[in-house]
Each structure stands twice: as C-alpha cells, then as structure tokens.
Amino acid sequence: MPIFHLKPIVAMLEDPAWGASTHRKEVWVNAASEAEARGLATGRLEDGEANLPGVSSSPSPWMSSALVQAREVEAAPSGMSIPLNVVVAA
C-alpha cells in the first residue's frame, strides 16, 4: 500500500476551512490512493463540534489541494510505522 504525505500549505493556514480541523500539521497515511488518504485524514482530524447543527461548517481542508499538498512517498519516515488506513501525525 502506498504511503501519502499530506502537508498543509503554510500560506493557507488562515483559510476559514481550517476551522473544521483539529490538526494543522503534516500527516502520513497508508492508503490505496490520494483521495482515500485525504478522506481518512478528514475523518480522523475534523473537529466534531464544527459539524453540529446550527454551526456553520466548511468543507474539510484535508480534501483541498489548494490547502494541503499530497504526495506519495516511497516509505514512512525513519522509525515510523504506519498501518493500513491509519493517519499518523507529526
């Protein structure tokens, strides 16, 4: 399974969409595709309170290529184990 490195674009961290996330630092995800990696990051890192009724919510920043860079890497960083379908934060 490929490992994906998702890295927030620093210049975009003030975007309102980041209000939907509990994490604003890079992560690594073991997933079949970039879309799946972004989806797993969204599911694990979104702020549950941002999705309560009556609370205005934005789409997850983890799904946006304008807010988060994603690239497939050959291996996890040294000493890091990333099981399938797991998001590992920096």
N, C-alpha and C. Protein backbone atom coordinates (compact mmCIF):
# COMPACT_ATOMS: atom_id res chain seq x y z
N MET A 1 0.85 -1.18 0.00
CA MET A 1 0.00 0.00 0.00
C MET A 1 0.89 1.24 0.00
N PRO A 2 0.54 2.23 -0.78
CA PRO A 2 1.33 3.47 -0.78
C PRO A 2 1.19 4.26 0.52
N ILE A 3 2.20 5.04 0.80
CA ILE A 3 2.18 5.98 1.93
C ILE A 3 2.03 7.38 1.32
N PHE A 4 1.11 8.16 1.85
CA PHE A 4 0.91 9.54 1.38
C PHE A 4 1.29 10.51 2.49
N HIS A 5 2.03 11.52 2.09
CA HIS A 5 2.42 12.60 2.99
C HIS A 5 1.51 13.79 2.68
N LEU A 6 0.70 14.18 3.64
CA LEU A 6 -0.21 15.33 3.49
C LEU A 6 0.36 16.47 4.32
N LYS A 7 0.59 17.59 3.66
CA LYS A 7 1.25 18.71 4.33
C LYS A 7 0.46 20.00 4.08
N PRO A 8 -0.07 20.60 5.15
CA PRO A 8 -0.78 21.87 4.98
C PRO A 8 0.13 22.92 4.33
N ILE A 9 -0.45 23.73 3.47
CA ILE A 9 0.28 24.82 2.83
C ILE A 9 0.26 25.99 3.82
N VAL A 10 1.44 26.33 4.33
CA VAL A 10 1.57 27.31 5.41
C VAL A 10 0.86 28.62 5.09
N ALA A 11 0.99 29.10 3.88
CA ALA A 11 0.38 30.38 3.49
C ALA A 11 -1.15 30.32 3.53
N MET A 12 -1.72 29.12 3.61
CA MET A 12 -3.18 28.97 3.58
C MET A 12 -3.77 28.58 4.94
N LEU A 13 -2.97 28.57 5.99
CA LEU A 13 -3.46 28.14 7.31
C LEU A 13 -4.48 29.08 7.92
N GLU A 14 -4.63 30.28 7.40
CA GLU A 14 -5.65 31.21 7.91
C GLU A 14 -6.98 31.06 7.19
N ASP A 15 -7.05 30.18 6.21
CA ASP A 15 -8.30 29.95 5.48
C ASP A 15 -9.37 29.46 6.46
N PRO A 16 -10.59 29.96 6.35
CA PRO A 16 -11.66 29.55 7.27
C PRO A 16 -11.92 28.03 7.30
N ALA A 17 -11.59 27.33 6.25
CA ALA A 17 -11.81 25.88 6.22
C ALA A 17 -11.03 25.16 7.31
N TRP A 18 -9.92 25.76 7.78
CA TRP A 18 -9.14 25.12 8.83
C TRP A 18 -9.89 25.07 10.15
N GLY A 19 -10.98 25.81 10.27
CA GLY A 19 -11.81 25.73 11.48
C GLY A 19 -12.44 24.37 11.65
N ALA A 20 -12.50 23.57 10.59
CA ALA A 20 -13.11 22.24 10.65
C ALA A 20 -12.12 21.16 11.06
N SER A 21 -10.86 21.52 11.29
CA SER A 21 -9.85 20.52 11.59
C SER A 21 -9.25 20.74 12.99
N THR A 22 -8.94 19.62 13.64
CA THR A 22 -8.29 19.68 14.96
C THR A 22 -6.78 19.66 14.83
N HIS A 23 -6.27 19.50 13.62
CA HIS A 23 -4.83 19.34 13.39
C HIS A 23 -4.42 20.16 12.18
N ARG A 24 -3.30 20.87 12.29
CA ARG A 24 -2.84 21.73 11.19
C ARG A 24 -1.38 21.46 10.83
N LYS A 25 -0.92 20.28 11.10
CA LYS A 25 0.46 19.91 10.78
C LYS A 25 0.45 18.69 9.86
N GLU A 26 1.60 18.36 9.33
CA GLU A 26 1.69 17.27 8.36
C GLU A 26 1.32 15.93 8.97
N VAL A 27 0.83 15.05 8.10
CA VAL A 27 0.49 13.69 8.49
C VAL A 27 0.92 12.72 7.39
N TRP A 28 1.02 11.46 7.75
CA TRP A 28 1.30 10.40 6.80
C TRP A 28 0.14 9.41 6.89
N VAL A 29 -0.26 8.89 5.73
CA VAL A 29 -1.41 7.99 5.68
C VAL A 29 -1.07 6.80 4.78
N ASN A 30 -1.37 5.61 5.25
CA ASN A 30 -1.20 4.39 4.46
C ASN A 30 -2.56 4.12 3.83
N ALA A 31 -2.69 4.39 2.53
CA ALA A 31 -3.98 4.27 1.85
C ALA A 31 -3.75 3.88 0.39
N ALA A 32 -4.79 3.41 -0.26
CA ALA A 32 -4.70 2.95 -1.64
C ALA A 32 -4.53 4.08 -2.65
N SER A 33 -5.01 5.28 -2.31
CA SER A 33 -4.97 6.39 -3.26
C SER A 33 -4.88 7.72 -2.50
N GLU A 34 -4.55 8.78 -3.22
CA GLU A 34 -4.53 10.11 -2.61
C GLU A 34 -5.92 10.48 -2.10
N ALA A 35 -6.94 10.20 -2.88
CA ALA A 35 -8.31 10.53 -2.46
C ALA A 35 -8.67 9.81 -1.16
N GLU A 36 -8.28 8.55 -1.06
CA GLU A 36 -8.56 7.79 0.16
C GLU A 36 -7.75 8.36 1.34
N ALA A 37 -6.50 8.73 1.10
CA ALA A 37 -5.67 9.32 2.15
C ALA A 37 -6.29 10.62 2.66
N ARG A 38 -6.74 11.46 1.73
CA ARG A 38 -7.39 12.72 2.14
C ARG A 38 -8.67 12.44 2.92
N GLY A 39 -9.43 11.45 2.49
CA GLY A 39 -10.66 11.10 3.19
C GLY A 39 -10.40 10.58 4.59
N LEU A 40 -9.38 9.75 4.75
CA LEU A 40 -9.03 9.25 6.08
C LEU A 40 -8.58 10.39 6.99
N ALA A 41 -7.78 11.30 6.44
CA ALA A 41 -7.34 12.46 7.24
C ALA A 41 -8.54 13.29 7.65
N THR A 42 -9.48 13.49 6.75
CA THR A 42 -10.69 14.25 7.07
C THR A 42 -11.44 13.58 8.22
N GLY A 43 -11.64 12.28 8.12
CA GLY A 43 -12.40 11.56 9.14
C GLY A 43 -11.73 11.56 10.50
N ARG A 44 -10.41 11.52 10.53
CA ARG A 44 -9.69 11.44 11.79
C ARG A 44 -9.38 12.80 12.40
N LEU A 45 -9.29 13.83 11.55
CA LEU A 45 -8.79 15.12 12.04
C LEU A 45 -9.81 16.24 12.05
N GLU A 46 -11.04 15.96 11.67
CA GLU A 46 -12.01 17.05 11.68
C GLU A 46 -12.55 17.28 13.08
N ASP A 47 -12.93 18.49 13.33
CA ASP A 47 -13.48 18.89 14.62
C ASP A 47 -14.96 18.52 14.65
N GLY A 48 -15.33 17.57 15.50
CA GLY A 48 -16.72 17.12 15.57
C GLY A 48 -17.69 18.24 15.88
N GLU A 49 -17.29 19.21 16.69
CA GLU A 49 -18.17 20.32 17.04
C GLU A 49 -18.46 21.21 15.84
N ALA A 50 -17.57 21.24 14.87
CA ALA A 50 -17.78 22.07 13.68
C ALA A 50 -18.94 21.55 12.85
N ASN A 51 -19.34 20.30 13.09
CA ASN A 51 -20.41 19.70 12.30
C ASN A 51 -21.73 19.58 13.06
N LEU A 52 -21.83 20.24 14.22
CA LEU A 52 -23.09 20.20 14.97
C LEU A 52 -24.15 21.04 14.29
N PRO A 53 -25.43 20.71 14.45
CA PRO A 53 -26.50 21.52 13.86
C PRO A 53 -26.40 22.97 14.34
N GLY A 54 -26.61 23.88 13.43
CA GLY A 54 -26.57 25.30 13.77
C GLY A 54 -25.19 25.91 13.70
N VAL A 55 -24.16 25.08 13.48
CA VAL A 55 -22.80 25.59 13.36
C VAL A 55 -22.44 25.61 11.89
N SER A 56 -22.04 26.79 11.41
CA SER A 56 -21.63 26.91 10.02
C SER A 56 -20.35 26.12 9.80
N SER A 57 -20.35 25.24 8.82
CA SER A 57 -19.15 24.44 8.60
C SER A 57 -18.62 24.62 7.18
N SER A 58 -17.34 24.42 7.05
CA SER A 58 -16.67 24.48 5.76
C SER A 58 -16.27 23.07 5.38
N PRO A 59 -16.04 22.83 4.11
CA PRO A 59 -15.50 21.51 3.73
C PRO A 59 -14.14 21.31 4.40
N SER A 60 -13.78 20.09 4.63
CA SER A 60 -12.50 19.79 5.28
C SER A 60 -11.33 20.33 4.48
N PRO A 61 -10.38 20.97 5.14
CA PRO A 61 -9.20 21.44 4.42
C PRO A 61 -8.37 20.28 3.87
N TRP A 62 -8.47 19.11 4.49
CA TRP A 62 -7.68 17.96 4.05
C TRP A 62 -8.08 17.46 2.67
N MET A 63 -9.28 17.81 2.22
CA MET A 63 -9.74 17.40 0.90
C MET A 63 -9.30 18.37 -0.20
N SER A 64 -8.80 19.52 0.18
CA SER A 64 -8.49 20.58 -0.79
C SER A 64 -7.01 20.61 -1.18
N SER A 65 -6.74 20.49 -2.48
CA SER A 65 -5.36 20.60 -2.94
C SER A 65 -4.85 22.04 -2.87
N ALA A 66 -5.75 23.00 -2.71
CA ALA A 66 -5.35 24.39 -2.52
C ALA A 66 -4.87 24.66 -1.10
N LEU A 67 -5.23 23.78 -0.16
CA LEU A 67 -4.88 23.96 1.25
C LEU A 67 -3.87 22.94 1.76
N VAL A 68 -3.85 21.77 1.14
CA VAL A 68 -2.98 20.68 1.61
C VAL A 68 -2.30 20.02 0.41
N GLN A 69 -0.98 19.97 0.45
CA GLN A 69 -0.20 19.25 -0.55
C GLN A 69 -0.27 17.77 -0.23
N ALA A 70 -0.37 16.94 -1.24
CA ALA A 70 -0.34 15.50 -1.03
C ALA A 70 0.64 14.89 -2.03
N ARG A 71 1.49 14.01 -1.51
CA ARG A 71 2.40 13.31 -2.42
C ARG A 71 2.63 11.89 -1.90
N GLU A 72 2.78 10.99 -2.85
CA GLU A 72 3.08 9.61 -2.49
C GLU A 72 4.58 9.53 -2.20
N VAL A 73 4.93 8.87 -1.11
CA VAL A 73 6.34 8.70 -0.75
C VAL A 73 6.68 7.21 -0.77
N GLU A 74 7.96 6.93 -0.90
CA GLU A 74 8.39 5.53 -1.00
C GLU A 74 8.28 4.78 0.32
N ALA A 75 8.46 5.50 1.42
CA ALA A 75 8.43 4.84 2.72
C ALA A 75 8.08 5.85 3.81
N ALA A 76 7.68 5.33 4.94
CA ALA A 76 7.40 6.19 6.09
C ALA A 76 8.71 6.78 6.59
N PRO A 77 8.64 7.93 7.27
CA PRO A 77 9.86 8.48 7.86
C PRO A 77 10.52 7.47 8.79
N SER A 78 11.81 7.58 8.93
CA SER A 78 12.59 6.65 9.74
C SER A 78 11.98 6.45 11.13
N GLY A 79 11.81 5.19 11.49
CA GLY A 79 11.31 4.85 12.80
C GLY A 79 9.80 4.94 12.95
N MET A 80 9.08 5.28 11.88
CA MET A 80 7.63 5.44 11.95
C MET A 80 6.95 4.25 11.29
N SER A 81 6.01 3.66 11.99
CA SER A 81 5.21 2.57 11.45
C SER A 81 3.82 3.11 11.14
N ILE A 82 3.33 2.83 9.94
CA ILE A 82 2.02 3.35 9.54
C ILE A 82 1.17 2.18 9.04
N PRO A 83 0.32 1.63 9.90
CA PRO A 83 -0.55 0.53 9.48
C PRO A 83 -1.56 1.01 8.42
N LEU A 84 -2.11 0.07 7.70
CA LEU A 84 -3.10 0.35 6.67
C LEU A 84 -4.29 1.14 7.23
N ASN A 85 -4.70 2.17 6.49
CA ASN A 85 -5.85 3.01 6.84
C ASN A 85 -5.67 3.77 8.15
N VAL A 86 -4.43 4.11 8.48
CA VAL A 86 -4.14 4.85 9.70
C VAL A 86 -3.51 6.18 9.33
N VAL A 87 -3.87 7.22 10.09
CA VAL A 87 -3.30 8.55 9.93
C VAL A 87 -2.31 8.76 11.07
N VAL A 88 -1.06 9.08 10.73
CA VAL A 88 -0.04 9.31 11.74
C VAL A 88 0.37 10.78 11.66
N ALA A 89 0.21 11.49 12.78
CA ALA A 89 0.53 12.91 12.82
C ALA A 89 1.98 13.13 13.19
N ALA A 90 2.50 14.27 12.72
CA ALA A 90 3.88 14.65 13.03
C ALA A 90 3.98 15.09 14.46
